Amino acid sequence: MESISAPNLCANCGKGEEESIKLKKCGACLSVKYCSAACQMAHRPQHKKACKQRAAELYDEKLFKEVEREDCPICFQLLPLGDTKTFEPCCGKVICDGCIHTMKMNERKDLCAFCRTPTTYDYEEVIKRTKKLMDKGNGLAFSNLGICYFDGGMGLPKDYQKANELFLKAGELGCASGYYSLGNSYCVGKGVEVDKKKAIHYFELAAMMGSVEARHNVACTEGQTCNFQRA
């Protein structure tokens, strides 16, 4: 394997930063530096194998990096995986179901456990609140509305294409569940043609944001199967 060059020397010509040369790292492996594009091109045949190996290692490190899960804003315990937590469209907080139940028992009222806004079960009002959060750039609000269009929930018609547009926007705003849901759409062909490569791409993006389910689905999709679950 190619040895890693001295940190402040060009890997090709050996010029250093002390000679007023500005060095730039190889964008793929981040392990070597070059003083110019010409030196990088000249060194490519020698560096290619080590670069590819190190770039793959960096990608895997990023893909499987432990991402700290979010806490419930009420009890400050880690939010559980699965469906035992609720997104509140009034304030945009995700609250564990235990705190929601405690609020109902203690207050004897159906209020948001965080902002105390009365809970509504009117579909139009829920969607109105969700869209207000979307106007503020809340990625999870985009993802949740996408799920409504995907499933035909909250009185909305099923519209896979609209759902996928919302999932993509959610992911771009940093919401892992948006990319995860979009990966599922490409995996099973909902609103898009089945495309395993794109499915893996979006699962990997979600995994890098900390989605455990997405990490599982990366392996499933590479094996040409798909475990369709909600994040």
C-alpha atoms as a PDB file:
ATOM      1  CA  MET A   1       0.000   0.000   0.000  1.00  0.00           C
ATOM      2  CA  GLU A   2       1.199   3.515  -0.813  1.00  0.00           C
ATOM      3  CA  SER A   3       2.670   5.303   2.167  1.00  0.00           C
ATOM      4  CA  ILE A   4       1.092   8.541   3.303  1.00  0.00           C
ATOM      5  CA  SER A   5       3.198  11.572   2.438  1.00  0.00           C
ATOM      6  CA  ALA A   6       4.410  14.132   4.953  1.00  0.00           C
ATOM      7  CA  PRO A   7       1.458  16.338   5.904  1.00  0.00           C
ATOM      8  CA  ASN A   8       2.950  19.593   4.599  1.00  0.00           C
ATOM      9  CA  LEU A   9       4.618  18.341   1.430  1.00  0.00           C
ATOM     10  CA  CYS A  10       3.251  17.824  -2.040  1.00  0.00           C
ATOM     11  CA  ALA A  11       2.873  14.068  -2.545  1.00  0.00           C
ATOM     12  CA  ASN A  12       4.244  14.374  -6.082  1.00  0.00           C
ATOM     13  CA  CYS A  13       7.045  16.941  -6.189  1.00  0.00           C
ATOM     14  CA  GLY A  14       7.857  17.341  -2.495  1.00  0.00           C
ATOM     15  CA  LYS A  15       7.391  21.098  -2.334  1.00  0.00           C
ATOM     16  CA  GLY A  16       6.297  22.314   1.064  1.00  0.00           C
ATOM     17  CA  GLU A  17       4.141  25.059   2.521  1.00  0.00           C
ATOM     18  CA  GLU A  18       7.266  26.759   3.869  1.00  0.00           C
ATOM     19  CA  GLU A  19       8.084  27.587   0.243  1.00  0.00           C
ATOM     20  CA  SER A  20       4.905  29.738   0.080  1.00  0.00           C
ATOM     21  CA  ILE A  21       3.125  26.950  -1.766  1.00  0.00           C
ATOM     22  CA  LYS A  22      -0.531  26.475  -0.932  1.00  0.00           C
ATOM     23  CA  LEU A  23      -1.266  22.756  -0.671  1.00  0.00           C
ATOM     24  CA  LYS A  24      -4.683  21.171  -1.140  1.00  0.00           C
ATOM     25  CA  LYS A  25      -5.797  17.770   0.126  1.00  0.00           C
ATOM     26  CA  CYS A  26      -6.937  15.019  -2.192  1.00  0.00           C
ATOM     27  CA  GLY A  27     -10.705  15.437  -2.109  1.00  0.00           C
ATOM     28  CA  ALA A  28     -11.388  11.681  -2.046  1.00  0.00           C
ATOM     29  CA  CYS A  29      -9.086  10.257   0.623  1.00  0.00           C
ATOM     30  CA  LEU A  30      -7.990  13.439   2.457  1.00  0.00           C
ATOM     31  CA  SER A  31      -4.676  11.685   3.128  1.00  0.00           C
ATOM     32  CA  VAL A  32      -2.233  13.461   0.800  1.00  0.00           C
ATOM     33  CA  LYS A  33      -1.696  17.012  -0.435  1.00  0.00           C
ATOM     34  CA  TYR A  34      -0.724  18.560  -3.744  1.00  0.00           C
ATOM     35  CA  CYS A  35       0.656  21.925  -4.780  1.00  0.00           C
ATOM     36  CA  SER A  36      -1.185  21.940  -8.101  1.00  0.00           C
ATOM     37  CA  ALA A  37      -3.685  20.095 -10.260  1.00  0.00           C
ATOM     38  CA  ALA A  38      -0.799  19.053 -12.513  1.00  0.00           C
ATOM     39  CA  CYS A  39       0.965  17.325  -9.616  1.00  0.00           C
ATOM     40  CA  GLN A  40      -2.242  15.606  -8.594  1.00  0.00           C
ATOM     41  CA  MET A  41      -2.731  14.279 -12.132  1.00  0.00           C
ATOM     42  CA  ALA A  42       0.890  13.137 -12.352  1.00  0.00           C
ATOM     43  CA  HIS A  43       0.651  11.307  -9.038  1.00  0.00           C
ATOM     44  CA  ARG A  44      -2.693   9.680  -9.837  1.00  0.00           C
ATOM     45  CA  PRO A  45      -1.392   6.318 -11.180  1.00  0.00           C
ATOM     46  CA  GLN A  46       0.676   5.794  -8.033  1.00  0.00           C
ATOM     47  CA  HIS A  47      -1.987   7.041  -5.649  1.00  0.00           C
ATOM     48  CA  LYS A  48      -5.148   5.584  -7.219  1.00  0.00           C
ATOM     49  CA  LYS A  49      -5.302   2.254  -5.355  1.00  0.00           C
ATOM     50  CA  ALA A  50      -4.563   3.679  -1.894  1.00  0.00           C
ATOM     51  CA  CYS A  51      -6.913   6.589  -2.549  1.00  0.00           C
ATOM     52  CA  LYS A  52      -9.802   4.312  -3.471  1.00  0.00           C
ATOM     53  CA  GLN A  53      -9.245   2.122  -0.406  1.00  0.00           C
ATOM     54  CA  ARG A  54      -9.024   5.047   2.016  1.00  0.00           C
ATOM     55  CA  ALA A  55     -12.017   6.810   0.453  1.00  0.00           C
ATOM     56  CA  ALA A  56     -14.078   3.643   0.949  1.00  0.00           C
ATOM     57  CA  GLU A  57     -12.942   3.459   4.580  1.00  0.00           C
ATOM     58  CA  LEU A  58     -13.937   7.093   5.165  1.00  0.00           C
ATOM     59  CA  TYR A  59     -17.321   6.504   3.555  1.00  0.00           C
ATOM     60  CA  ASP A  60     -17.999   3.475   5.754  1.00  0.00           C
ATOM     61  CA  GLU A  61     -16.940   5.421   8.832  1.00  0.00           C
ATOM     62  CA  LYS A  62     -19.427   8.143   7.935  1.00  0.00           C
ATOM     63  CA  LEU A  63     -22.161   5.659   7.027  1.00  0.00           C
ATOM     64  CA  PHE A  64     -21.951   3.726  10.299  1.00  0.00           C
ATOM     65  CA  LYS A  65     -20.893   6.561  12.582  1.00  0.00           C
ATOM     66  CA  GLU A  66     -22.823   6.534  15.838  1.00  0.00           C
ATOM     67  CA  VAL A  67     -25.196   9.501  15.715  1.00  0.00           C
ATOM     68  CA  GLU A  68     -26.600  10.720  19.003  1.00  0.00           C
ATOM     69  CA  ARG A  69     -30.361  10.272  19.100  1.00  0.00           C
ATOM     70  CA  GLU A  70     -32.636  13.130  20.021  1.00  0.00           C
ATOM     71  CA  ASP A  71     -34.028  13.468  23.538  1.00  0.00           C
ATOM     72  CA  CYS A  72     -37.672  13.982  24.411  1.00  0.00           C
ATOM     73  CA  PRO A  73     -37.937  17.725  25.208  1.00  0.00           C
ATOM     74  CA  ILE A  74     -40.091  16.960  28.285  1.00  0.00           C
ATOM     75  CA  CYS A  75     -38.384  14.109  30.161  1.00  0.00           C
ATOM     76  CA  PHE A  76     -34.977  14.419  28.430  1.00  0.00           C
ATOM     77  CA  GLN A  77     -34.817  10.665  27.860  1.00  0.00           C
ATOM     78  CA  LEU A  78     -33.754   9.279  24.486  1.00  0.00           C
ATOM     79  CA  LEU A  79     -36.685   9.184  22.107  1.00  0.00           C
ATOM     80  CA  PRO A  80     -37.599   5.560  21.430  1.00  0.00           C
ATOM     81  CA  LEU A  81     -37.317   3.951  18.027  1.00  0.00           C
ATOM     82  CA  GLY A  82     -40.520   2.980  16.257  1.00  0.00           C
ATOM     83  CA  ASP A  83     -43.986   4.407  16.795  1.00  0.00           C
ATOM     84  CA  THR A  84     -43.927   5.189  20.530  1.00  0.00           C
ATOM     85  CA  LYS A  85     -43.363   8.897  19.964  1.00  0.00           C
ATOM     86  CA  THR A  86     -45.466  11.641  18.417  1.00  0.00           C
ATOM     87  CA  PHE A  87     -44.714  14.651  16.221  1.00  0.00           C
ATOM     88  CA  GLU A  88     -46.715  17.649  17.400  1.00  0.00           C
ATOM     89  CA  PRO A  89     -47.810  19.837  14.454  1.00  0.00           C
ATOM     90  CA  CYS A  90     -48.420  22.799  16.773  1.00  0.00           C
ATOM     91  CA  CYS A  91     -44.814  23.328  17.927  1.00  0.00           C
ATOM     92  CA  GLY A  92     -42.891  20.831  15.802  1.00  0.00           C
ATOM     93  CA  LYS A  93     -41.561  18.900  18.794  1.00  0.00           C
ATOM     94  CA  VAL A  94     -41.280  15.103  18.889  1.00  0.00           C
ATOM     95  CA  ILE A  95     -42.455  13.859  22.281  1.00  0.00           C
ATOM     96  CA  CYS A  96     -42.369  10.372  23.768  1.00  0.00           C
ATOM     97  CA  ASP A  97     -45.788   8.803  24.281  1.00  0.00           C
ATOM     98  CA  GLY A  98     -45.075   8.454  28.000  1.00  0.00           C
ATOM     99  CA  CYS A  99     -44.965  12.236  28.434  1.00  0.00           C
ATOM    100  CA  ILE A 100     -48.085  12.651  26.311  1.00  0.00           C
ATOM    101  CA  HIS A 101     -49.941  10.139  28.493  1.00  0.00           C
ATOM    102  CA  THR A 102     -48.702  11.842  31.674  1.00  0.00           C
ATOM    103  CA  MET A 103     -49.966  15.195  30.430  1.00  0.00           C
ATOM    104  CA  LYS A 104     -53.431  13.773  29.810  1.00  0.00           C
ATOM    105  CA  MET A 105     -53.521  12.089  33.227  1.00  0.00           C
ATOM    106  CA  ASN A 106     -52.263  15.116  35.182  1.00  0.00           C
ATOM    107  CA  GLU A 107     -54.054  17.935  33.383  1.00  0.00           C
ATOM    108  CA  ARG A 108     -57.172  15.977  32.444  1.00  0.00           C
ATOM    109  CA  LYS A 109     -56.986  17.853  29.171  1.00  0.00           C
ATOM    110  CA  ASP A 110     -55.851  16.895  25.688  1.00  0.00           C
ATOM    111  CA  LEU A 111     -52.996  19.381  25.300  1.00  0.00           C
ATOM    112  CA  CYS A 112     -49.587  19.324  23.670  1.00  0.00           C
ATOM    113  CA  ALA A 113     -47.209  18.300  26.444  1.00  0.00           C
ATOM    114  CA  PHE A 114     -44.674  20.892  25.296  1.00  0.00           C
ATOM    115  CA  CYS A 115     -46.518  24.067  24.253  1.00  0.00           C
ATOM    116  CA  ARG A 116     -49.916  23.365  25.856  1.00  0.00           C
ATOM    117  CA  THR A 117     -51.777  23.982  22.598  1.00  0.00           C
ATOM    118  CA  PRO A 118     -55.077  22.066  22.551  1.00  0.00           C
ATOM    119  CA  THR A 119     -54.751  18.888  20.483  1.00  0.00           C
ATOM    120  CA  THR A 120     -56.900  18.868  17.379  1.00  0.00           C
ATOM    121  CA  TYR A 121     -58.271  15.865  15.547  1.00  0.00           C
ATOM    122  CA  ASP A 122     -59.617  17.959  12.697  1.00  0.00           C
ATOM    123  CA  TYR A 123     -57.689  16.962   9.576  1.00  0.00           C
ATOM    124  CA  GLU A 124     -57.773  20.417   8.021  1.00  0.00           C
ATOM    125  CA  GLU A 125     -56.418  22.016  11.191  1.00  0.00           C
ATOM    126  CA  VAL A 126     -53.626  19.433  11.507  1.00  0.00           C
ATOM    127  CA  ILE A 127     -52.568  20.069   7.912  1.00  0.00           C
ATOM    128  CA  LYS A 128     -52.785  23.842   8.465  1.00  0.00           C
ATOM    129  CA  ARG A 129     -50.477  23.583  11.490  1.00  0.00           C
ATOM    130  CA  THR A 130     -48.116  21.298   9.583  1.00  0.00           C
ATOM    131  CA  LYS A 131     -47.865  23.747   6.678  1.00  0.00           C
ATOM    132  CA  LYS A 132     -47.038  26.585   9.088  1.00  0.00           C
ATOM    133  CA  LEU A 133     -44.090  24.533  10.296  1.00  0.00           C
ATOM    134  CA  MET A 134     -43.096  23.830   6.693  1.00  0.00           C
ATOM    135  CA  ASP A 135     -42.996  27.588   6.065  1.00  0.00           C
ATOM    136  CA  LYS A 136     -40.442  27.760   8.870  1.00  0.00           C
ATOM    137  CA  GLY A 137     -38.282  25.054   7.263  1.00  0.00           C
ATOM    138  CA  ASN A 138     -39.213  22.144   9.540  1.00  0.00           C
ATOM    139  CA  GLY A 139     -38.024  19.016   7.706  1.00  0.00           C
ATOM    140  CA  LEU A 140     -40.114  16.612   9.758  1.00  0.00           C
ATOM    141  CA  ALA A 141     -43.249  18.568   8.843  1.00  0.00           C
ATOM    142  CA  PHE A 142     -42.442  18.013   5.146  1.00  0.00           C
ATOM    143  CA  SER A 143     -41.869  14.311   5.837  1.00  0.00           C
ATOM    144  CA  ASN A 144     -45.121  13.913   7.772  1.00  0.00           C
ATOM    145  CA  LEU A 145     -47.190  15.617   5.089  1.00  0.00           C
ATOM    146  CA  GLY A 146     -45.456  13.388   2.544  1.00  0.00           C
ATOM    147  CA  ILE A 147     -46.583  10.332   4.482  1.00  0.00           C
ATOM    148  CA  CYS A 148     -50.150  11.664   4.416  1.00  0.00           C
ATOM    149  CA  TYR A 149     -50.022  11.873   0.618  1.00  0.00           C
ATOM    150  CA  PHE A 150     -48.299   8.493   0.399  1.00  0.00           C
ATOM    151  CA  ASP A 151     -50.898   6.719   2.543  1.00  0.00           C
ATOM    152  CA  GLY A 152     -53.913   8.860   1.638  1.00  0.00           C
ATOM    153  CA  GLY A 153     -54.186  10.002   5.251  1.00  0.00           C
ATOM    154  CA  MET A 154     -55.686  13.121   6.851  1.00  0.00           C
ATOM    155  CA  GLY A 155     -58.334  13.250   4.139  1.00  0.00           C
ATOM    156  CA  LEU A 156     -55.727  13.773   1.400  1.00  0.00           C
ATOM    157  CA  PRO A 157     -55.745  11.761  -1.842  1.00  0.00           C
ATOM    158  CA  LYS A 158     -52.977   9.253  -2.461  1.00  0.00           C
ATOM    159  CA  ASP A 159     -50.314  10.994  -4.520  1.00  0.00           C
ATOM    160  CA  TYR A 160     -46.977   9.182  -4.595  1.00  0.00           C
ATOM    161  CA  GLN A 161     -45.293  11.804  -6.758  1.00  0.00           C
ATOM    162  CA  LYS A 162     -46.270  14.618  -4.388  1.00  0.00           C
ATOM    163  CA  ALA A 163     -45.183  12.479  -1.435  1.00  0.00           C
ATOM    164  CA  ASN A 164     -41.767  11.871  -2.968  1.00  0.00           C
ATOM    165  CA  GLU A 165     -41.271  15.581  -3.627  1.00  0.00           C
ATOM    166  CA  LEU A 166     -41.999  16.264   0.033  1.00  0.00           C
ATOM    167  CA  PHE A 167     -39.699  13.432   1.176  1.00  0.00           C
ATOM    168  CA  LEU A 168     -36.850  14.871  -0.902  1.00  0.00           C
ATOM    169  CA  LYS A 169     -37.358  18.357   0.534  1.00  0.00           C
ATOM    170  CA  ALA A 170     -37.477  16.911   4.042  1.00  0.00           C
ATOM    171  CA  GLY A 171     -34.169  15.138   3.489  1.00  0.00           C
ATOM    172  CA  GLU A 172     -32.561  18.275   2.105  1.00  0.00           C
ATOM    173  CA  LEU A 173     -33.633  20.050   5.303  1.00  0.00           C
ATOM    174  CA  GLY A 174     -31.812  17.430   7.379  1.00  0.00           C
ATOM    175  CA  CYS A 175     -34.677  15.056   8.140  1.00  0.00           C
ATOM    176  CA  ALA A 176     -33.506  11.426   7.982  1.00  0.00           C
ATOM    177  CA  SER A 177     -37.022  10.043   7.701  1.00  0.00           C
ATOM    178  CA  GLY A 178     -37.519  12.019   4.473  1.00  0.00           C
ATOM    179  CA  TYR A 179     -34.586  10.349   2.733  1.00  0.00           C
ATOM    180  CA  TYR A 180     -35.554   7.005   4.260  1.00  0.00           C
ATOM    181  CA  SER A 181     -39.088   7.194   2.871  1.00  0.00           C
ATOM    182  CA  LEU A 182     -37.786   8.289  -0.530  1.00  0.00           C
ATOM    183  CA  GLY A 183     -35.441   5.309  -0.525  1.00  0.00           C
ATOM    184  CA  ASN A 184     -38.418   3.057   0.120  1.00  0.00           C
ATOM    185  CA  SER A 185     -40.268   4.611  -2.825  1.00  0.00           C
ATOM    186  CA  TYR A 186     -37.386   3.814  -5.179  1.00  0.00           C
ATOM    187  CA  CYS A 187     -37.037   0.356  -3.673  1.00  0.00           C
ATOM    188  CA  VAL A 188     -40.614  -0.711  -4.395  1.00  0.00           C
ATOM    189  CA  GLY A 189     -41.545   1.676  -7.237  1.00  0.00           C
ATOM    190  CA  LYS A 190     -44.087   4.045  -5.682  1.00  0.00           C
ATOM    191  CA  GLY A 191     -44.399   7.160  -7.849  1.00  0.00           C
ATOM    192  CA  VAL A 192     -41.049   6.377  -9.466  1.00  0.00           C
ATOM    193  CA  GLU A 193     -39.486   3.538 -11.422  1.00  0.00           C
ATOM    194  CA  VAL A 194     -37.842   0.877  -9.271  1.00  0.00           C
ATOM    195  CA  ASP A 195     -34.192   1.900  -8.963  1.00  0.00           C
ATOM    196  CA  LYS A 196     -32.084  -0.012  -6.451  1.00  0.00           C
ATOM    197  CA  LYS A 197     -29.084   2.307  -6.840  1.00  0.00           C
ATOM    198  CA  LYS A 198     -31.156   5.371  -5.995  1.00  0.00           C
ATOM    199  CA  ALA A 199     -32.811   3.480  -3.145  1.00  0.00           C
ATOM    200  CA  ILE A 200     -29.401   2.671  -1.669  1.00  0.00           C
ATOM    201  CA  HIS A 201     -28.275   6.272  -2.197  1.00  0.00           C
ATOM    202  CA  TYR A 202     -31.168   7.686  -0.184  1.00  0.00           C
ATOM    203  CA  PHE A 203     -30.953   4.956   2.461  1.00  0.00           C
ATOM    204  CA  GLU A 204     -27.280   5.805   2.895  1.00  0.00           C
ATOM    205  CA  LEU A 205     -28.022   9.516   3.245  1.00  0.00           C
ATOM    206  CA  ALA A 206     -30.622   8.690   5.897  1.00  0.00           C
ATOM    207  CA  ALA A 207     -28.185   6.327   7.623  1.00  0.00           C
ATOM    208  CA  MET A 208     -25.563   9.068   7.803  1.00  0.00           C
ATOM    209  CA  MET A 209     -28.157  11.174   9.612  1.00  0.00           C
ATOM    210  CA  GLY A 210     -28.574   8.389  12.160  1.00  0.00           C
ATOM    211  CA  SER A 211     -31.492   6.310  10.847  1.00  0.00           C
ATOM    212  CA  VAL A 212     -31.032   2.759  12.148  1.00  0.00           C
ATOM    213  CA  GLU A 213     -33.809   1.473   9.870  1.00  0.00           C
ATOM    214  CA  ALA A 214     -32.046   2.963   6.848  1.00  0.00           C
ATOM    215  CA  ARG A 215     -28.800   1.161   7.717  1.00  0.00           C
ATOM    216  CA  HIS A 216     -30.714  -2.089   7.776  1.00  0.00           C
ATOM    217  CA  ASN A 217     -32.384  -1.339   4.451  1.00  0.00           C
ATOM    218  CA  VAL A 218     -29.047  -0.554   2.779  1.00  0.00           C
ATOM    219  CA  ALA A 219     -28.068  -4.184   3.316  1.00  0.00           C
ATOM    220  CA  CYS A 220     -31.506  -5.460   2.275  1.00  0.00           C
ATOM    221  CA  THR A 221     -31.517  -3.446  -0.935  1.00  0.00           C
ATOM    222  CA  GLU A 222     -28.009  -4.528  -1.877  1.00  0.00           C
ATOM    223  CA  GLY A 223     -29.321  -8.064  -1.542  1.00  0.00           C
ATOM    224  CA  GLN A 224     -32.236  -7.164  -3.879  1.00  0.00           C
ATOM    225  CA  THR A 225     -34.883  -7.332  -1.142  1.00  0.00           C
ATOM    226  CA  CYS A 226     -36.564  -4.522   0.752  1.00  0.00           C
ATOM    227  CA  ASN A 227     -37.992  -4.415   4.248  1.00  0.00           C
ATOM    228  CA  PHE A 228     -40.524  -1.618   3.828  1.00  0.00           C
ATOM    229  CA  GLN A 229     -40.901   0.125   7.173  1.00  0.00           C
ATOM    230  CA  ARG A 230     -41.552   3.650   8.291  1.00  0.00           C
ATOM    231  CA  ALA A 231     -38.708   5.484  10.017  1.00  0.00           C
END
